[in-house]
Amino acid sequence: MDTQLNELIVKDRQTFIKFLDLLHQDLLQQPQNWENKTLPDFLEALARYTEDIQGYYDNTNANVDAEKAAWSTFADIFKGAKVYE
């Protein structure tokens, strides 16, 4: 499941919906891989990771401007919130 989730290229609303479905399945099937399993923990991590996402892009030389909204950036934020501490 993790492979599908990480390999999906999110480029539009439809692929973001597919991404969210995979993310949900991942939580149900592999909760041990999630740092933030409860909604309050996940939402807190989501906010914190949204603040830090530009640093992630800079550190990985991703050449992405997080200030420009894109479906792929939203997907990256949700993936990060899954494990962000």
N, C-alpha and C. Protein backbone atom coordinates (compact mmCIF):
# COMPACT_ATOMS: atom_id res chain seq x y z
N MET A 1 0.82 -1.20 0.00
CA MET A 1 0.00 0.00 0.00
C MET A 1 0.86 1.25 0.00
N ASP A 2 1.90 1.26 0.85
CA ASP A 2 2.78 2.42 0.93
C ASP A 2 3.38 2.75 -0.44
N THR A 3 3.72 1.71 -1.21
CA THR A 3 4.31 1.92 -2.52
C THR A 3 3.33 2.65 -3.43
N GLN A 4 2.09 2.17 -3.50
CA GLN A 4 1.08 2.83 -4.31
C GLN A 4 0.89 4.28 -3.89
N LEU A 5 0.84 4.48 -2.59
CA LEU A 5 0.62 5.82 -2.04
C LEU A 5 1.75 6.75 -2.43
N ASN A 6 2.98 6.28 -2.33
CA ASN A 6 4.13 7.12 -2.60
C ASN A 6 4.43 7.27 -4.09
N GLU A 7 3.97 6.34 -4.90
CA GLU A 7 4.25 6.40 -6.34
C GLU A 7 3.17 7.12 -7.13
N LEU A 8 2.00 7.31 -6.54
CA LEU A 8 0.93 8.01 -7.24
C LEU A 8 1.34 9.46 -7.49
N ILE A 9 1.23 9.88 -8.73
CA ILE A 9 1.53 11.27 -9.08
C ILE A 9 0.23 12.06 -9.00
N VAL A 10 0.18 12.97 -8.04
CA VAL A 10 -1.03 13.78 -7.85
C VAL A 10 -0.87 15.04 -8.68
N LYS A 11 -1.76 15.18 -9.67
CA LYS A 11 -1.63 16.32 -10.58
C LYS A 11 -2.93 17.11 -10.75
N ASP A 12 -4.03 16.54 -10.24
CA ASP A 12 -5.32 17.21 -10.40
C ASP A 12 -6.26 16.72 -9.30
N ARG A 13 -7.47 17.22 -9.32
CA ARG A 13 -8.43 16.88 -8.28
C ARG A 13 -8.73 15.39 -8.25
N GLN A 14 -8.85 14.77 -9.41
CA GLN A 14 -9.18 13.35 -9.47
C GLN A 14 -8.07 12.48 -8.88
N THR A 15 -6.82 12.80 -9.17
CA THR A 15 -5.73 12.01 -8.59
C THR A 15 -5.57 12.31 -7.11
N PHE A 16 -5.95 13.51 -6.67
CA PHE A 16 -5.92 13.81 -5.24
C PHE A 16 -6.98 12.98 -4.50
N ILE A 17 -8.13 12.81 -5.11
CA ILE A 17 -9.17 11.95 -4.53
C ILE A 17 -8.67 10.52 -4.42
N LYS A 18 -8.03 10.03 -5.46
CA LYS A 18 -7.44 8.68 -5.43
C LYS A 18 -6.40 8.59 -4.31
N PHE A 19 -5.57 9.64 -4.18
CA PHE A 19 -4.57 9.70 -3.13
C PHE A 19 -5.22 9.60 -1.75
N LEU A 20 -6.28 10.35 -1.52
CA LEU A 20 -6.95 10.31 -0.22
C LEU A 20 -7.53 8.93 0.06
N ASP A 21 -8.07 8.28 -0.95
CA ASP A 21 -8.57 6.92 -0.78
C ASP A 21 -7.44 5.97 -0.38
N LEU A 22 -6.29 6.09 -1.04
CA LEU A 22 -5.13 5.25 -0.71
C LEU A 22 -4.61 5.55 0.70
N LEU A 23 -4.62 6.84 1.07
CA LEU A 23 -4.17 7.23 2.40
C LEU A 23 -5.08 6.60 3.47
N HIS A 24 -6.36 6.64 3.24
CA HIS A 24 -7.33 6.05 4.16
C HIS A 24 -7.10 4.54 4.27
N GLN A 25 -6.94 3.86 3.14
CA GLN A 25 -6.67 2.43 3.14
C GLN A 25 -5.38 2.11 3.88
N ASP A 26 -4.37 2.96 3.70
CA ASP A 26 -3.09 2.76 4.37
C ASP A 26 -3.25 2.82 5.88
N LEU A 27 -4.02 3.77 6.37
CA LEU A 27 -4.26 3.87 7.81
C LEU A 27 -4.98 2.62 8.33
N LEU A 28 -5.97 2.15 7.60
CA LEU A 28 -6.72 0.98 8.04
C LEU A 28 -5.89 -0.30 8.00
N GLN A 29 -5.02 -0.42 6.99
CA GLN A 29 -4.27 -1.66 6.80
C GLN A 29 -2.91 -1.67 7.49
N GLN A 30 -2.33 -0.49 7.71
CA GLN A 30 -0.99 -0.42 8.29
C GLN A 30 -0.89 0.67 9.35
N PRO A 31 -1.74 0.64 10.37
CA PRO A 31 -1.72 1.71 11.37
C PRO A 31 -0.37 1.82 12.10
N GLN A 32 0.39 0.74 12.12
CA GLN A 32 1.70 0.76 12.77
C GLN A 32 2.67 1.71 12.06
N ASN A 33 2.39 2.08 10.83
CA ASN A 33 3.25 3.00 10.08
C ASN A 33 2.86 4.47 10.27
N TRP A 34 1.85 4.70 11.08
CA TRP A 34 1.35 6.05 11.30
C TRP A 34 1.75 6.53 12.69
N GLU A 35 2.37 7.68 12.73
CA GLU A 35 2.69 8.33 14.00
C GLU A 35 1.44 9.00 14.57
N ASN A 36 0.59 9.52 13.70
CA ASN A 36 -0.56 10.32 14.11
C ASN A 36 -1.85 9.63 13.68
N LYS A 37 -2.34 8.74 14.54
CA LYS A 37 -3.49 7.89 14.21
C LYS A 37 -4.84 8.53 14.55
N THR A 38 -4.87 9.42 15.52
CA THR A 38 -6.14 10.04 15.89
C THR A 38 -6.33 11.33 15.10
N LEU A 39 -7.58 11.73 14.95
CA LEU A 39 -7.86 12.96 14.20
C LEU A 39 -7.19 14.18 14.84
N PRO A 40 -7.27 14.38 16.17
CA PRO A 40 -6.59 15.54 16.75
C PRO A 40 -5.08 15.53 16.49
N ASP A 41 -4.44 14.36 16.64
CA ASP A 41 -3.00 14.27 16.40
C ASP A 41 -2.68 14.54 14.93
N PHE A 42 -3.49 13.97 14.04
CA PHE A 42 -3.25 14.15 12.61
C PHE A 42 -3.43 15.61 12.21
N LEU A 43 -4.47 16.26 12.71
CA LEU A 43 -4.70 17.67 12.36
C LEU A 43 -3.59 18.57 12.89
N GLU A 44 -3.11 18.27 14.08
CA GLU A 44 -2.00 19.06 14.61
C GLU A 44 -0.76 18.87 13.74
N ALA A 45 -0.47 17.64 13.38
CA ALA A 45 0.69 17.36 12.52
C ALA A 45 0.50 17.98 11.14
N LEU A 46 -0.72 17.98 10.65
CA LEU A 46 -1.01 18.57 9.35
C LEU A 46 -0.69 20.07 9.36
N ALA A 47 -1.09 20.75 10.40
CA ALA A 47 -0.78 22.19 10.52
C ALA A 47 0.72 22.43 10.63
N ARG A 48 1.40 21.65 11.48
CA ARG A 48 2.84 21.83 11.66
C ARG A 48 3.62 21.50 10.38
N TYR A 49 3.22 20.42 9.70
CA TYR A 49 3.93 20.04 8.48
C TYR A 49 3.68 21.06 7.37
N THR A 50 2.48 21.64 7.35
CA THR A 50 2.19 22.68 6.37
C THR A 50 3.14 23.87 6.58
N GLU A 51 3.44 24.18 7.83
CA GLU A 51 4.40 25.25 8.12
C GLU A 51 5.79 24.90 7.62
N ASP A 52 6.16 23.62 7.72
CA ASP A 52 7.54 23.19 7.44
C ASP A 52 7.78 22.64 6.04
N ILE A 53 6.73 22.53 5.21
CA ILE A 53 6.86 21.84 3.93
C ILE A 53 7.90 22.50 3.02
N GLN A 54 8.06 23.80 3.06
CA GLN A 54 9.04 24.44 2.19
C GLN A 54 10.45 23.97 2.55
N GLY A 55 10.71 23.79 3.84
CA GLY A 55 12.01 23.26 4.25
C GLY A 55 12.26 21.87 3.69
N TYR A 56 11.24 21.03 3.66
CA TYR A 56 11.35 19.70 3.07
C TYR A 56 11.72 19.81 1.60
N TYR A 57 11.00 20.68 0.87
CA TYR A 57 11.30 20.86 -0.55
C TYR A 57 12.71 21.39 -0.77
N ASP A 58 13.12 22.33 0.05
CA ASP A 58 14.46 22.89 -0.09
C ASP A 58 15.53 21.83 0.19
N ASN A 59 15.32 21.03 1.24
CA ASN A 59 16.30 20.00 1.62
C ASN A 59 16.40 18.87 0.61
N THR A 60 15.34 18.64 -0.15
CA THR A 60 15.36 17.56 -1.14
C THR A 60 15.57 18.10 -2.56
N ASN A 61 15.89 19.38 -2.67
CA ASN A 61 16.11 20.02 -3.98
C ASN A 61 14.95 19.77 -4.93
N ALA A 62 13.73 19.86 -4.40
CA ALA A 62 12.54 19.55 -5.18
C ALA A 62 12.11 20.68 -6.12
N ASN A 63 12.66 21.87 -5.93
CA ASN A 63 12.32 23.02 -6.78
C ASN A 63 10.80 23.25 -6.82
N VAL A 64 10.19 23.26 -5.64
CA VAL A 64 8.75 23.50 -5.50
C VAL A 64 8.56 24.71 -4.59
N ASP A 65 7.69 25.61 -5.01
CA ASP A 65 7.33 26.76 -4.18
C ASP A 65 6.04 26.43 -3.46
N ALA A 66 6.10 26.17 -2.17
CA ALA A 66 4.93 25.78 -1.40
C ALA A 66 3.88 26.89 -1.30
N GLU A 67 4.26 28.10 -1.64
CA GLU A 67 3.30 29.21 -1.62
C GLU A 67 2.33 29.13 -2.78
N LYS A 68 2.66 28.36 -3.80
CA LYS A 68 1.78 28.20 -4.96
C LYS A 68 0.99 26.91 -4.77
N ALA A 69 -0.30 27.07 -4.54
CA ALA A 69 -1.14 25.90 -4.27
C ALA A 69 -1.14 24.95 -5.47
N ALA A 70 -0.93 23.67 -5.16
CA ALA A 70 -0.97 22.63 -6.18
C ALA A 70 -1.49 21.35 -5.52
N TRP A 71 -2.20 20.55 -6.27
CA TRP A 71 -2.73 19.30 -5.71
C TRP A 71 -1.60 18.44 -5.19
N SER A 72 -0.47 18.44 -5.85
CA SER A 72 0.66 17.62 -5.40
C SER A 72 1.21 18.11 -4.06
N THR A 73 1.20 19.41 -3.82
CA THR A 73 1.66 19.94 -2.54
C THR A 73 0.71 19.51 -1.42
N PHE A 74 -0.58 19.56 -1.68
CA PHE A 74 -1.54 19.09 -0.67
C PHE A 74 -1.29 17.62 -0.33
N ALA A 75 -1.04 16.81 -1.35
CA ALA A 75 -0.76 15.39 -1.11
C ALA A 75 0.51 15.23 -0.29
N ASP A 76 1.56 15.99 -0.60
CA ASP A 76 2.81 15.92 0.18
C ASP A 76 2.56 16.28 1.64
N ILE A 77 1.73 17.28 1.88
CA ILE A 77 1.43 17.70 3.25
C ILE A 77 0.71 16.59 4.01
N PHE A 78 -0.26 15.95 3.36
CA PHE A 78 -0.98 14.86 4.02
C PHE A 78 -0.05 13.68 4.29
N LYS A 79 0.81 13.34 3.34
CA LYS A 79 1.77 12.24 3.56
C LYS A 79 2.69 12.58 4.71
N GLY A 80 3.15 13.81 4.78
CA GLY A 80 4.04 14.21 5.86
C GLY A 80 3.37 14.17 7.21
N ALA A 81 2.10 14.58 7.26
CA ALA A 81 1.37 14.60 8.53
C ALA A 81 1.16 13.19 9.08
N LYS A 82 1.22 12.21 8.22
CA LYS A 82 1.06 10.82 8.64
C LYS A 82 2.14 10.43 9.66
N VAL A 83 3.35 10.95 9.50
CA VAL A 83 4.48 10.53 10.33
C VAL A 83 5.17 11.67 11.07
N TYR A 84 4.72 12.91 10.85
CA TYR A 84 5.40 14.07 11.42
C TYR A 84 5.30 14.08 12.95
N GLU A 85 6.42 14.36 13.59
CA GLU A 85 6.43 14.43 15.06
C GLU A 85 6.66 15.84 15.54
